[in-house]
Amino acid sequence: MENFPVINMKNLNGDKRASTMDIIKDACENWGFFELVNHGIPHEMMDTVERLTKGHYKKCMEQRFKELVASKALEGVQAEITDMDWESTFFLRHLPVSNISQVPDLDDEYRTIMKEFAVRLEKLAEELLDLLCENLGLEKGYLKKAFYGSKGPNFGTKVSNYPPCPKPELIKGLRPHTDAGGVILLFQDDKVSGLQLLKGDQWVDVPPMKHSIVVNLGDQLEVITNGKYKSVLHRVIAQTDGNRMSLASFYNPGNDAVIYPAPALLEKEAEERKEVYPKFVFDDYMKLYAGLKFQAKEPRFELMKNMEANVTMGPIATA
């Protein structure tokens, strides 16, 4: 298997820019995933986020996981469990309105650093969207605008821990799925692995790397690029040793954003007569995804196509 794509963002400022943009283009077209180094988020900030995330799990989440999941999930089970995951999670919302001050059991230091970390990640996500625009031949800012809706994007972080599992052959840390949203930025454990993506018919490890940010593309970018870029199935394998930390931050369209293939890309593909992806309101897609997350994405796109007649392209009314 060829090497997992790693992008050194420092190389975007100099004579290696063109070759670095090519690596990003290939990663978006053929992997759906890539890993960023020298991304501008201070390493000390990442170390603090990791220390406090792991401390919070130990103090507030570990016992609950043992009682609710670990003690019951594998009791008397012989065949693989397909309706639950071996993970402990909570969710922080950053945009359009933060909920960090309302989430229980977080100490002030953790709340403060997560707010600062989110600002850095938001900036990085928007920088990435513009790099994708450049590679696609879309005007700068097109993707940010496409995600904007009337109140700006949705942006939040799923904070997960994947504790040691005595029988990893019977349960996944997280079952295979594609992500519904836009662009996902992952800060993952650099010692305990487990994240895999499907490339062709092979599951490939996403390598843990200290202070890197892993990026993957969600279903909305597949739609906007009319399939040029793909969201890719990925999963987390439960491990017998070590507790794997994962902070996945989702930069998604606003609820009322209307998502559809970029007309400039459709013009380029006119001669190829490619199938055109559907047009829909992002929130409608999310409602559908909620019940079908662990199923193939293609039927979701088909169902949205059937609903397409109801989607208007006019200005979105606001209360």
Protein backbone atom coordinates (compact mmCIF):
# COMPACT_ATOMS: atom_id res chain seq x y z
CA MET A 1 0.00 0.00 0.00
CA GLU A 2 1.40 3.40 -0.97
CA ASN A 3 2.18 5.87 1.78
CA PHE A 4 -0.61 7.64 3.65
CA PRO A 5 -0.59 11.29 2.45
CA VAL A 6 1.14 13.70 4.84
CA ILE A 7 1.03 17.43 4.04
CA ASN A 8 3.70 19.75 5.41
CA MET A 9 1.86 23.07 5.41
CA LYS A 10 5.12 25.01 5.66
CA ASN A 11 5.75 23.96 2.07
CA LEU A 12 2.76 26.01 0.89
CA ASN A 13 4.90 29.13 1.37
CA GLY A 14 7.70 28.63 -1.11
CA ASP A 15 8.93 26.77 -4.15
CA LYS A 16 7.32 23.48 -2.99
CA ARG A 17 3.80 24.95 -3.14
CA ALA A 18 2.81 23.37 -6.46
CA SER A 19 3.96 19.87 -5.46
CA THR A 20 2.26 20.23 -2.04
CA MET A 21 -1.02 21.28 -3.72
CA ASP A 22 -0.69 18.18 -5.92
CA ILE A 23 -0.39 15.95 -2.84
CA ILE A 24 -3.56 17.57 -1.41
CA LYS A 25 -5.37 17.08 -4.74
CA ASP A 26 -4.39 13.40 -4.94
CA ALA A 27 -5.37 12.87 -1.28
CA CYS A 28 -8.82 14.42 -1.87
CA GLU A 29 -9.43 12.42 -5.06
CA ASN A 30 -7.99 9.05 -4.04
CA TRP A 31 -7.92 8.83 -0.24
CA GLY A 32 -10.55 11.16 1.28
CA PHE A 33 -8.04 11.56 4.14
CA PHE A 34 -4.68 13.24 4.75
CA GLU A 35 -2.51 14.27 7.69
CA LEU A 36 -1.25 17.82 8.36
CA VAL A 37 2.01 18.81 10.02
CA ASN A 38 3.24 22.38 10.61
CA HIS A 39 -0.40 23.48 10.57
CA GLY A 40 0.11 26.50 12.83
CA ILE A 41 -1.63 25.22 15.98
CA PRO A 42 0.92 25.53 18.83
CA HIS A 43 2.22 22.19 20.10
CA GLU A 44 1.97 23.39 23.72
CA MET A 45 -1.76 24.04 23.19
CA MET A 46 -2.23 20.52 21.77
CA ASP A 47 -0.31 19.02 24.71
CA THR A 48 -2.57 20.87 27.17
CA VAL A 49 -5.73 19.76 25.31
CA GLU A 50 -4.50 16.14 25.41
CA ARG A 51 -3.55 16.26 29.10
CA LEU A 52 -6.88 17.79 30.14
CA THR A 53 -8.96 15.53 27.86
CA LYS A 54 -7.33 12.41 29.29
CA GLY A 55 -7.63 13.77 32.83
CA HIS A 56 -11.33 14.54 32.31
CA TYR A 57 -11.98 11.00 31.05
CA LYS A 58 -10.26 9.46 34.08
CA LYS A 59 -12.08 11.73 36.52
CA CYS A 60 -15.56 11.97 35.02
CA MET A 61 -16.14 9.38 32.28
CA GLU A 62 -14.20 6.19 32.98
CA GLN A 63 -16.39 4.83 35.78
CA ARG A 64 -19.55 5.63 33.83
CA PHE A 65 -18.19 3.75 30.80
CA LYS A 66 -17.35 0.72 32.93
CA GLU A 67 -20.84 0.66 34.42
CA LEU A 68 -22.88 1.43 31.29
CA VAL A 69 -20.90 -0.27 28.52
CA ALA A 70 -17.99 -2.42 29.63
CA SER A 71 -19.86 -4.49 32.21
CA LYS A 72 -22.86 -5.24 29.95
CA ALA A 73 -21.82 -5.06 26.28
CA LEU A 74 -19.88 -8.31 26.00
CA GLU A 75 -21.82 -10.40 28.52
CA GLY A 76 -22.49 -13.84 26.99
CA VAL A 77 -21.83 -12.55 23.47
CA GLN A 78 -20.44 -14.93 20.83
CA ALA A 79 -21.02 -13.11 17.51
CA GLU A 80 -19.84 -9.59 16.63
CA ILE A 81 -21.98 -6.78 18.07
CA THR A 82 -23.30 -4.57 15.27
CA ASP A 83 -25.58 -2.12 17.11
CA MET A 84 -23.20 -0.33 19.47
CA ASP A 85 -19.64 1.02 19.73
CA TRP A 86 -16.88 0.64 22.33
CA GLU A 87 -16.44 4.37 22.95
CA SER A 88 -17.05 7.04 25.56
CA THR A 89 -18.00 10.44 24.11
CA PHE A 90 -19.37 13.92 24.68
CA PHE A 91 -19.95 16.78 22.25
CA LEU A 92 -18.89 20.44 22.36
CA ARG A 93 -20.61 22.92 20.05
CA HIS A 94 -18.62 26.01 18.98
CA LEU A 95 -20.72 27.59 16.18
CA PRO A 96 -23.13 29.17 15.60
CA VAL A 97 -23.43 29.36 19.44
CA SER A 98 -21.02 27.71 21.89
CA ASN A 99 -22.36 25.32 24.55
CA ILE A 100 -19.00 24.88 26.33
CA SER A 101 -20.08 26.82 29.41
CA GLN A 102 -23.16 24.58 29.81
CA VAL A 103 -21.47 21.17 29.48
CA PRO A 104 -21.33 19.63 32.98
CA ASP A 105 -18.17 18.35 34.73
CA LEU A 106 -15.64 20.42 32.76
CA ASP A 107 -13.22 22.46 34.83
CA ASP A 108 -12.49 26.08 33.89
CA GLU A 109 -9.03 25.38 32.52
CA TYR A 110 -10.47 22.75 30.14
CA ARG A 111 -13.31 25.03 29.00
CA THR A 112 -10.84 27.85 28.29
CA ILE A 113 -8.34 25.76 26.32
CA MET A 114 -11.09 24.08 24.27
CA LYS A 115 -12.47 27.49 23.27
CA GLU A 116 -8.98 28.60 22.19
CA PHE A 117 -8.34 25.30 20.38
CA ALA A 118 -11.68 25.63 18.54
CA VAL A 119 -10.75 29.11 17.25
CA ARG A 120 -7.50 27.70 15.83
CA LEU A 121 -9.28 24.72 14.25
CA GLU A 122 -11.96 26.93 12.69
CA LYS A 123 -9.26 29.07 11.06
CA LEU A 124 -7.46 25.94 9.82
CA ALA A 125 -10.70 24.47 8.40
CA GLU A 126 -11.39 27.67 6.45
CA GLU A 127 -7.80 27.76 5.19
CA LEU A 128 -8.21 24.16 4.00
CA LEU A 129 -11.48 24.94 2.23
CA ASP A 130 -9.71 27.66 0.26
CA LEU A 131 -6.90 25.26 -0.69
CA LEU A 132 -9.56 22.85 -1.98
CA CYS A 133 -11.16 25.74 -3.94
CA GLU A 134 -7.79 26.48 -5.53
CA ASN A 135 -7.30 22.85 -6.58
CA LEU A 136 -10.87 22.61 -7.91
CA GLY A 137 -10.62 25.87 -9.89
CA LEU A 138 -13.37 27.48 -7.79
CA GLU A 139 -13.15 31.10 -6.69
CA LYS A 140 -11.57 31.68 -3.27
CA GLY A 141 -14.22 31.57 -0.55
CA TYR A 142 -16.70 29.50 -2.61
CA LEU A 143 -16.86 26.56 -0.18
CA LYS A 144 -17.05 28.76 2.91
CA LYS A 145 -19.92 30.62 1.28
CA ALA A 146 -21.62 27.36 0.25
CA PHE A 147 -21.55 26.23 3.90
CA TYR A 148 -22.69 29.56 5.33
CA GLY A 149 -26.52 29.48 5.25
CA SER A 150 -28.12 32.39 7.10
CA LYS A 151 -26.29 32.02 10.44
CA GLY A 152 -22.87 30.70 9.44
CA PRO A 153 -21.50 27.16 9.65
CA ASN A 154 -22.07 24.50 12.28
CA PHE A 155 -18.83 23.68 14.05
CA GLY A 156 -18.38 21.28 16.94
CA THR A 157 -16.04 18.71 18.49
CA LYS A 158 -16.82 15.11 19.37
CA VAL A 159 -14.50 14.23 22.27
CA SER A 160 -14.02 10.45 22.36
CA ASN A 161 -12.06 7.93 24.34
CA TYR A 162 -11.70 4.32 23.21
CA PRO A 163 -10.84 2.32 26.36
CA PRO A 164 -9.04 -1.04 26.33
CA CYS A 165 -11.37 -3.81 25.17
CA PRO A 166 -11.02 -7.43 26.34
CA LYS A 167 -12.58 -8.85 23.14
CA PRO A 168 -11.89 -6.49 20.21
CA GLU A 169 -12.95 -9.18 17.73
CA LEU A 170 -16.54 -8.86 19.04
CA ILE A 171 -17.06 -5.08 18.91
CA LYS A 172 -15.73 -2.07 17.00
CA GLY A 173 -14.55 1.09 18.72
CA LEU A 174 -16.68 2.81 16.05
CA ARG A 175 -18.49 1.01 13.23
CA PRO A 176 -17.70 1.84 9.58
CA HIS A 177 -19.36 5.04 8.29
CA THR A 178 -18.74 8.14 6.20
CA ASP A 179 -19.06 11.54 7.87
CA ALA A 180 -22.17 13.51 6.92
CA GLY A 181 -20.69 16.99 7.08
CA GLY A 182 -18.05 19.13 5.40
CA VAL A 183 -14.43 18.93 6.52
CA ILE A 184 -13.35 17.07 9.66
CA LEU A 185 -10.18 17.87 11.63
CA LEU A 186 -9.01 15.15 13.99
CA PHE A 187 -6.52 15.45 16.83
CA GLN A 188 -5.85 11.82 17.73
CA ASP A 189 -3.76 9.91 20.21
CA ASP A 190 -0.16 9.59 19.01
CA LYS A 191 0.50 6.33 20.86
CA VAL A 192 -2.66 4.19 20.61
CA SER A 193 -3.81 3.51 17.04
CA GLY A 194 -7.13 2.16 15.80
CA LEU A 195 -8.46 4.51 13.09
CA GLN A 196 -8.68 2.88 9.66
CA LEU A 197 -10.05 3.98 6.28
CA LEU A 198 -11.25 1.83 3.39
CA LYS A 199 -9.10 2.28 0.26
CA GLY A 200 -10.30 0.09 -2.56
CA ASP A 201 -11.10 -3.13 -0.73
CA GLN A 202 -8.43 -2.77 1.96
CA TRP A 203 -8.62 -1.27 5.44
CA VAL A 204 -5.62 1.05 5.88
CA ASP A 205 -4.31 2.37 9.22
CA VAL A 206 -4.28 6.14 9.70
CA PRO A 207 -0.87 6.50 11.33
CA PRO A 208 -0.73 8.15 14.76
CA MET A 209 1.72 11.06 14.56
CA LYS A 210 2.53 13.48 17.37
CA HIS A 211 1.06 16.99 16.94
CA SER A 212 -0.51 16.22 13.57
CA ILE A 213 -4.08 16.98 12.50
CA VAL A 214 -5.81 14.32 10.40
CA VAL A 215 -8.29 15.69 7.84
CA ASN A 216 -11.11 13.81 6.16
CA LEU A 217 -13.81 14.91 3.77
CA GLY A 218 -17.52 14.52 4.51
CA ASP A 219 -20.52 13.78 2.29
CA GLN A 220 -21.23 17.49 1.63
CA LEU A 221 -17.89 17.97 -0.16
CA GLU A 222 -18.64 14.92 -2.29
CA VAL A 223 -21.93 16.54 -3.33
CA ILE A 224 -20.47 20.02 -3.98
CA THR A 225 -17.64 18.54 -6.09
CA ASN A 226 -20.14 16.22 -7.84
CA GLY A 227 -18.11 13.17 -6.82
CA LYS A 228 -14.67 14.47 -7.79
CA TYR A 229 -13.76 14.30 -4.08
CA LYS A 230 -15.20 11.42 -2.07
CA SER A 231 -16.16 10.89 1.55
CA VAL A 232 -14.59 7.59 2.58
CA LEU A 233 -15.69 4.80 4.92
CA HIS A 234 -13.66 4.69 8.12
CA ARG A 235 -13.84 2.86 11.44
CA VAL A 236 -12.08 2.53 14.79
CA ILE A 237 -10.76 -0.85 15.84
CA ALA A 238 -11.00 -1.54 19.56
CA GLN A 239 -7.64 -2.38 21.17
CA THR A 240 -6.79 -4.65 24.09
CA ASP A 241 -4.20 -2.17 25.43
CA GLY A 242 -4.21 1.59 25.92
CA ASN A 243 -6.93 4.22 25.96
CA ARG A 244 -7.14 6.03 22.59
CA MET A 245 -8.05 9.73 22.66
CA SER A 246 -9.81 11.28 19.66
CA LEU A 247 -11.04 14.86 19.20
CA ALA A 248 -12.90 15.12 15.89
CA SER A 249 -13.96 18.66 14.98
CA PHE A 250 -16.65 18.94 12.30
CA TYR A 251 -16.81 22.10 10.17
CA ASN A 252 -20.24 21.63 8.60
CA PRO A 253 -22.74 23.70 6.63
CA GLY A 254 -25.30 25.77 8.51
CA ASN A 255 -28.66 24.04 9.04
CA ASP A 256 -30.41 26.04 6.31
CA ALA A 257 -27.52 26.01 3.80
CA VAL A 258 -28.63 24.67 0.42
CA ILE A 259 -26.04 22.16 -0.80
CA TYR A 260 -25.66 21.31 -4.50
CA PRO A 261 -22.89 20.60 -7.03
CA ALA A 262 -20.85 23.70 -7.90
CA PRO A 263 -22.11 24.95 -11.31
CA ALA A 264 -18.53 25.77 -12.41
CA LEU A 265 -17.58 22.11 -11.93
CA LEU A 266 -20.68 20.85 -13.75
CA GLU A 267 -19.79 23.04 -16.73
CA LYS A 268 -16.35 21.43 -16.91
CA GLU A 269 -17.95 17.97 -16.83
CA ALA A 270 -20.71 18.73 -19.35
CA GLU A 271 -19.19 16.54 -22.07
CA GLU A 272 -18.67 13.62 -19.72
CA ARG A 273 -22.44 13.45 -18.99
CA LYS A 274 -21.72 12.44 -15.41
CA GLU A 275 -24.55 11.69 -13.01
CA VAL A 276 -25.37 14.91 -11.13
CA TYR A 277 -25.56 14.77 -7.32
CA PRO A 278 -28.71 16.02 -5.55
CA LYS A 279 -29.57 19.46 -4.18
CA PHE A 280 -30.90 19.68 -0.62
CA VAL A 281 -31.04 21.64 2.63
CA PHE A 282 -28.25 20.44 4.94
CA ASP A 283 -30.56 19.92 7.94
CA ASP A 284 -32.78 17.58 5.88
CA TYR A 285 -29.72 15.49 5.07
CA MET A 286 -28.71 15.35 8.75
CA LYS A 287 -32.17 14.15 9.78
CA LEU A 288 -31.87 11.33 7.26
CA TYR A 289 -28.27 10.54 8.25
CA ALA A 290 -29.19 10.23 11.94
CA GLY A 291 -31.00 6.96 11.24
CA LEU A 292 -28.72 5.67 8.47
CA LYS A 293 -25.21 6.64 9.63
CA PHE A 294 -23.82 3.11 9.54
CA GLN A 295 -25.28 2.29 6.12
CA ALA A 296 -23.97 3.08 2.63
CA LYS A 297 -24.11 6.76 1.60
CA GLU A 298 -25.40 6.15 -1.95
CA PRO A 299 -29.01 5.38 -0.89
CA ARG A 300 -28.93 8.60 1.20
CA PHE A 301 -28.01 10.60 -1.90
CA GLU A 302 -30.81 8.82 -3.84
CA LEU A 303 -33.38 9.66 -1.17
CA MET A 304 -32.27 13.32 -1.22
CA LYS A 305 -32.63 13.30 -5.00
CA ASN A 306 -36.24 12.16 -4.61
CA MET A 307 -36.89 15.09 -2.25
CA GLU A 308 -35.17 17.58 -4.55
CA ALA A 309 -38.33 19.05 -6.04
CA ASN A 310 -39.03 20.74 -2.69
CA VAL A 311 -35.70 22.60 -2.46
CA THR A 312 -35.74 26.23 -3.52
CA MET A 313 -32.63 28.05 -4.56
CA GLY A 314 -33.94 31.52 -3.66
CA PRO A 315 -32.72 33.60 -0.74
CA ILE A 316 -33.35 31.87 2.57
CA ALA A 317 -36.03 33.53 4.65
CA THR A 318 -34.99 34.42 8.18
CA ALA A 319 -37.30 35.13 11.06
